[in-house]
Amino acid sequence: MEIGFIDYYLDEWHANNYPAFIRKASGGKLAVTRAYAQIDSPLPGGRASAQWAKDMGIPLCDTIEEVVEKSDALIVLSPDNSEMHEALCQLPLRSGKPTYVDKTFAPDGRIARRLFALAAASGTPCYSSSALRYAPEYRAIDREGLWAISSWGPNGLDTYAIHQVEPIVMLMGVPARRVLYVPGTDWYTLAVEFADGRAATISGFMGDSPFTMNISAKAGARVVTAEADFFAPCIESLVGFLSTGKPPVDSAQTLMVMDILGAGAQAGERPGTWVTVES
């Protein structure tokens, strides 16, 4: 099965590693066979698209149309530039071919809804997910009697908060009502109040930090750290989707995540003020 990459720029961690991950997880039945990038890498020391293609042994296409036409399934990357997803997804989500959109799916719920509507109108199977959804330690948490979560992890709200918000939404299972942003020096905290009154806090620390949750539940409080390999099950799930066209993540949960992140971005402009989560 031939997979096509569509990216904003190709020399980034996901594009560099997914081909080998996919080949291994599929036992060689799936392979990334072509790629497209809108621009060369803008990062210091980043490879131009042509050099990336040569180094990776993956042919470079001049257009998104060519990737879509010649591929059996599609992966839209741009993991650090979710604002590019709406433009990059226009043809893939009209293709009818299984399309995975890398994290973060969209900058907010409004754009996310437009993307899912585009896919639905064309009968295109699609989904998006943070790899932390697949952390074994998080998935093993008993959701019955879960009262509150305090989560922390590395880096900023714009590109890395998805890795904390997604497992929290998976565990809580209800929409959020409002969020509040507290800034700090090389850290931030986002407080989230859910529709049923439960709460979570999300703290990001610039640089290195484990992905960890302090869980408050009926059974008591405990700390859970994502230490096992979460990328392997994430890629296995992706391979299953590309092969079958059956999305493993409910779009309703993805929309909950995007609603929180969109409200979080607004809250970041008004620290200390509650911002309503629009859905």
Protein backbone atom coordinates (compact mmCIF):
# COMPACT_ATOMS: atom_id res chain seq x y z
CA MET A 1 0.00 0.00 0.00
CA GLU A 2 1.44 3.37 -1.04
CA ILE A 3 1.27 6.30 1.36
CA GLY A 4 1.71 9.94 0.35
CA PHE A 5 3.08 12.67 2.63
CA ILE A 6 1.79 16.24 2.37
CA ASP A 7 3.71 18.69 4.52
CA TYR A 8 4.41 22.36 5.03
CA TYR A 9 8.14 21.53 5.13
CA LEU A 10 9.59 18.04 5.23
CA ASP A 11 12.69 18.11 7.40
CA GLU A 12 10.87 17.71 10.72
CA TRP A 13 10.78 14.87 13.26
CA HIS A 14 7.54 13.27 12.11
CA ALA A 15 8.38 13.22 8.41
CA ASN A 16 11.87 11.97 9.25
CA ASN A 17 10.67 9.06 11.40
CA TYR A 18 7.18 8.01 10.30
CA PRO A 19 8.33 6.17 7.15
CA ALA A 20 10.42 3.68 9.14
CA PHE A 21 7.78 3.43 11.89
CA ILE A 22 5.03 2.69 9.34
CA ARG A 23 7.12 0.14 7.46
CA LYS A 24 7.97 -1.69 10.69
CA ALA A 25 4.43 -1.61 12.12
CA SER A 26 2.92 -2.89 8.87
CA GLY A 27 5.52 -5.59 8.31
CA GLY A 28 6.52 -3.84 5.10
CA LYS A 29 2.99 -3.87 3.66
CA LEU A 30 2.71 -0.08 3.85
CA ALA A 31 5.35 2.34 2.63
CA VAL A 32 5.69 6.08 2.16
CA THR A 33 6.34 6.33 -1.57
CA ARG A 34 6.01 10.04 -2.36
CA ALA A 35 5.93 13.42 -0.65
CA TYR A 36 5.12 17.08 -1.19
CA ALA A 37 6.25 20.16 0.73
CA GLN A 38 4.98 23.68 0.30
CA ILE A 39 8.32 25.23 1.31
CA ASP A 40 11.87 24.17 2.09
CA SER A 41 12.66 23.91 5.79
CA PRO A 42 12.92 27.41 7.31
CA LEU A 43 14.76 26.08 10.35
CA PRO A 44 18.49 26.72 10.88
CA GLY A 45 20.33 23.75 9.38
CA GLY A 46 17.11 22.32 7.94
CA ARG A 47 17.33 20.38 4.68
CA ALA A 48 15.72 21.59 1.48
CA SER A 49 12.88 19.35 0.30
CA ALA A 50 14.94 17.93 -2.58
CA GLN A 51 17.76 16.96 -0.22
CA TRP A 52 15.29 15.40 2.24
CA ALA A 53 13.77 13.34 -0.58
CA LYS A 54 17.21 12.17 -1.74
CA ASP A 55 18.32 11.26 1.78
CA MET A 56 15.06 9.44 2.58
CA GLY A 57 14.75 7.70 -0.78
CA ILE A 58 11.22 9.06 -1.18
CA PRO A 59 10.33 10.74 -4.51
CA LEU A 60 9.30 14.39 -4.28
CA CYS A 61 6.14 15.53 -6.08
CA ASP A 62 5.62 19.03 -7.45
CA THR A 63 1.96 19.25 -6.42
CA ILE A 64 -0.48 17.99 -3.83
CA GLU A 65 -2.63 16.78 -6.74
CA GLU A 66 0.09 14.36 -7.81
CA VAL A 67 0.47 12.92 -4.30
CA VAL A 68 -3.28 12.46 -3.95
CA GLU A 69 -3.67 10.87 -7.37
CA LYS A 70 -0.84 8.37 -7.03
CA SER A 71 -1.29 7.35 -3.36
CA ASP A 72 -3.61 4.80 -1.75
CA ALA A 73 -3.78 6.75 1.52
CA LEU A 74 -2.55 10.13 2.73
CA ILE A 75 -0.85 11.71 5.72
CA VAL A 76 -1.02 15.48 6.12
CA LEU A 77 1.85 16.41 8.41
CA SER A 78 2.81 20.00 9.37
CA PRO A 79 2.86 19.04 13.07
CA ASP A 80 4.20 22.40 14.27
CA ASN A 81 2.08 24.57 11.98
CA SER A 82 -1.54 23.61 12.44
CA GLU A 83 -2.56 26.90 10.83
CA MET A 84 -1.47 25.35 7.51
CA HIS A 85 -3.75 22.31 7.79
CA GLU A 86 -6.87 23.86 6.31
CA ALA A 87 -5.05 24.76 3.08
CA LEU A 88 -3.03 21.52 2.90
CA CYS A 89 -6.13 19.37 3.54
CA GLN A 90 -8.39 20.74 0.80
CA LEU A 91 -7.53 18.07 -1.79
CA PRO A 92 -6.76 15.16 0.57
CA LEU A 93 -10.09 15.52 2.38
CA ARG A 94 -11.92 15.58 -0.95
CA SER A 95 -10.13 12.46 -2.20
CA GLY A 96 -12.17 9.69 -0.58
CA LYS A 97 -8.88 8.10 0.48
CA PRO A 98 -8.01 7.45 4.16
CA THR A 99 -6.34 10.63 5.40
CA TYR A 100 -4.55 11.10 8.70
CA VAL A 101 -4.00 14.71 9.77
CA ASP A 102 -1.09 15.04 12.19
CA LYS A 103 -1.38 16.82 15.49
CA THR A 104 -2.53 19.50 16.08
CA PHE A 105 -5.60 18.96 13.84
CA ALA A 106 -6.59 22.64 13.72
CA PRO A 107 -5.96 25.90 15.58
CA ASP A 108 -9.51 25.86 17.00
CA GLY A 109 -12.85 24.07 16.90
CA ARG A 110 -14.28 26.33 14.19
CA ILE A 111 -11.64 25.30 11.64
CA ALA A 112 -11.75 21.69 12.85
CA ARG A 113 -15.48 21.56 12.11
CA ARG A 114 -14.89 22.88 8.61
CA LEU A 115 -12.30 20.16 7.97
CA PHE A 116 -14.51 17.34 9.25
CA ALA A 117 -17.43 18.70 7.21
CA LEU A 118 -15.25 18.73 4.09
CA ALA A 119 -14.23 15.12 4.70
CA ALA A 120 -17.82 14.03 5.39
CA ALA A 121 -19.13 15.69 2.22
CA SER A 122 -16.60 13.72 0.17
CA GLY A 123 -16.85 10.45 2.07
CA THR A 124 -13.20 10.72 3.09
CA PRO A 125 -12.25 8.75 6.24
CA CYS A 126 -10.04 10.90 8.45
CA TYR A 127 -8.86 11.38 12.01
CA SER A 128 -6.17 13.08 14.06
CA SER A 129 -4.56 12.30 17.39
CA SER A 130 -1.79 13.11 19.78
CA ALA A 131 0.52 10.16 20.38
CA LEU A 132 -0.10 10.63 24.14
CA ARG A 133 -3.63 9.27 23.68
CA TYR A 134 -1.86 5.92 23.34
CA ALA A 135 0.28 6.14 26.48
CA PRO A 136 -0.38 2.78 28.21
CA GLU A 137 -0.30 4.36 31.67
CA TYR A 138 -2.96 6.93 30.70
CA ARG A 139 -5.18 4.40 28.94
CA ALA A 140 -5.13 2.18 32.06
CA ILE A 141 -6.61 4.91 34.28
CA ASP A 142 -10.05 3.96 35.60
CA ARG A 143 -12.43 6.66 34.39
CA GLU A 144 -15.12 5.69 36.88
CA GLY A 145 -15.16 8.14 39.77
CA LEU A 146 -12.50 10.39 38.22
CA TRP A 147 -12.84 13.81 39.84
CA ALA A 148 -9.91 15.95 38.77
CA ILE A 149 -6.61 15.83 36.89
CA SER A 150 -3.47 17.90 37.30
CA SER A 151 -1.25 17.35 34.25
CA TRP A 152 2.16 18.62 33.27
CA GLY A 153 4.52 18.21 30.35
CA PRO A 154 7.12 19.97 28.21
CA ASN A 155 7.04 23.11 26.06
CA GLY A 156 4.46 25.68 25.06
CA LEU A 157 0.72 25.95 24.63
CA ASP A 158 0.74 26.35 20.85
CA THR A 159 2.35 23.08 19.74
CA TYR A 160 2.67 20.83 22.80
CA ALA A 161 -0.47 21.39 24.88
CA ILE A 162 -2.26 18.93 22.56
CA HIS A 163 -0.29 16.13 24.25
CA GLN A 164 -1.84 16.99 27.60
CA VAL A 165 -5.30 18.08 26.47
CA GLU A 166 -6.02 14.99 24.36
CA PRO A 167 -5.55 12.35 27.08
CA ILE A 168 -7.47 14.55 29.53
CA VAL A 169 -10.42 14.78 27.12
CA MET A 170 -10.18 11.01 26.55
CA LEU A 171 -10.43 10.43 30.30
CA MET A 172 -13.06 13.05 31.14
CA GLY A 173 -15.26 12.29 28.15
CA VAL A 174 -17.31 15.51 28.30
CA PRO A 175 -16.99 18.98 26.72
CA ALA A 176 -15.24 21.79 28.55
CA ARG A 177 -17.10 24.87 29.80
CA ARG A 178 -14.34 27.45 30.28
CA VAL A 179 -10.57 27.89 30.57
CA LEU A 180 -8.21 30.25 32.37
CA TYR A 181 -4.55 30.92 31.52
CA VAL A 182 -1.82 31.75 34.05
CA PRO A 183 1.58 32.75 32.59
CA GLY A 184 4.96 32.38 34.23
CA THR A 185 8.66 32.55 33.47
CA ASP A 186 9.31 29.53 31.22
CA TRP A 187 6.04 27.88 32.29
CA TYR A 188 2.28 28.29 32.00
CA THR A 189 -0.85 26.75 33.48
CA LEU A 190 -4.21 26.34 31.78
CA ALA A 191 -7.16 25.61 34.08
CA VAL A 192 -10.08 23.80 32.46
CA GLU A 193 -13.57 23.49 33.90
CA PHE A 194 -15.70 20.77 32.30
CA ALA A 195 -19.43 20.82 31.65
CA ASP A 196 -20.16 18.47 34.56
CA GLY A 197 -18.19 20.59 37.04
CA ARG A 198 -15.02 18.48 37.10
CA ALA A 199 -11.70 20.21 36.50
CA ALA A 200 -8.21 19.80 35.14
CA THR A 201 -5.05 21.87 35.12
CA ILE A 202 -2.45 21.67 32.39
CA SER A 203 1.05 23.00 33.04
CA GLY A 204 3.78 23.32 30.46
CA PHE A 205 7.44 23.79 31.30
CA MET A 206 9.80 25.07 28.63
CA GLY A 207 12.42 22.46 27.89
CA ASP A 208 12.45 19.00 29.38
CA SER A 209 9.59 17.64 31.49
CA PRO A 210 7.94 14.25 31.82
CA PHE A 211 4.33 13.76 30.78
CA THR A 212 2.71 13.20 34.16
CA MET A 213 -0.75 13.36 35.74
CA ASN A 214 -1.85 13.59 39.34
CA ILE A 215 -5.23 11.84 39.38
CA SER A 216 -7.92 12.55 41.97
CA ALA A 217 -10.59 9.87 41.96
CA LYS A 218 -13.03 7.98 44.16
CA ALA A 219 -10.35 5.38 44.78
CA GLY A 220 -7.89 8.03 45.96
CA ALA A 221 -5.15 10.23 44.53
CA ARG A 222 -2.10 8.98 42.66
CA VAL A 223 0.57 10.10 40.22
CA VAL A 224 0.77 8.53 36.76
CA THR A 225 3.72 9.11 34.42
CA ALA A 226 3.82 8.18 30.74
CA GLU A 227 7.01 6.12 30.70
CA ALA A 228 6.24 3.26 28.28
CA ASP A 229 6.55 3.63 24.51
CA PHE A 230 3.45 5.44 23.30
CA PHE A 231 4.57 5.96 19.71
CA ALA A 232 4.48 2.25 18.83
CA PRO A 233 0.76 1.81 19.62
CA CYS A 234 0.04 5.19 18.02
CA ILE A 235 1.65 4.08 14.75
CA GLU A 236 -0.03 0.66 14.94
CA SER A 237 -3.37 2.45 15.19
CA LEU A 238 -2.42 4.68 12.25
CA VAL A 239 -1.45 1.67 10.13
CA GLY A 240 -4.77 0.01 10.95
CA PHE A 241 -6.64 3.13 9.84
CA LEU A 242 -4.68 3.54 6.59
CA SER A 243 -5.34 -0.12 5.79
CA THR A 244 -9.06 -0.20 6.62
CA GLY A 245 -10.29 3.38 6.46
CA LYS A 246 -11.88 3.02 9.91
CA PRO A 247 -10.98 6.02 12.13
CA PRO A 248 -9.83 4.90 15.61
CA VAL A 249 -10.62 8.26 17.25
CA ASP A 250 -14.12 9.73 17.42
CA SER A 251 -14.24 13.14 15.72
CA ALA A 252 -16.39 14.41 18.62
CA GLN A 253 -13.43 13.99 20.98
CA THR A 254 -11.08 15.68 18.51
CA LEU A 255 -13.49 18.62 18.38
CA MET A 256 -13.52 18.81 22.20
CA VAL A 257 -9.72 19.00 22.15
CA MET A 258 -9.68 21.71 19.47
CA ASP A 259 -12.35 23.72 21.33
CA ILE A 260 -10.18 23.72 24.46
CA LEU A 261 -7.02 24.64 22.57
CA GLY A 262 -8.79 27.43 20.69
CA ALA A 263 -10.17 28.86 23.94
CA GLY A 264 -6.73 28.40 25.51
CA ALA A 265 -5.15 30.55 22.80
CA GLN A 266 -7.71 33.27 23.52
CA ALA A 267 -7.12 32.94 27.26
CA GLY A 268 -3.40 33.36 26.63
CA GLU A 269 -4.17 36.88 25.43
CA ARG A 270 -6.15 37.63 28.61
CA PRO A 271 -4.25 35.98 31.50
CA GLY A 272 -6.26 35.45 34.65
CA THR A 273 -9.63 35.78 32.89
CA TRP A 274 -12.03 32.88 32.32
CA VAL A 275 -12.78 32.34 28.63
CA THR A 276 -15.85 30.39 27.54
CA VAL A 277 -15.18 27.33 25.39
CA GLU A 278 -17.26 27.69 22.25
CA SER A 279 -18.45 24.51 20.56
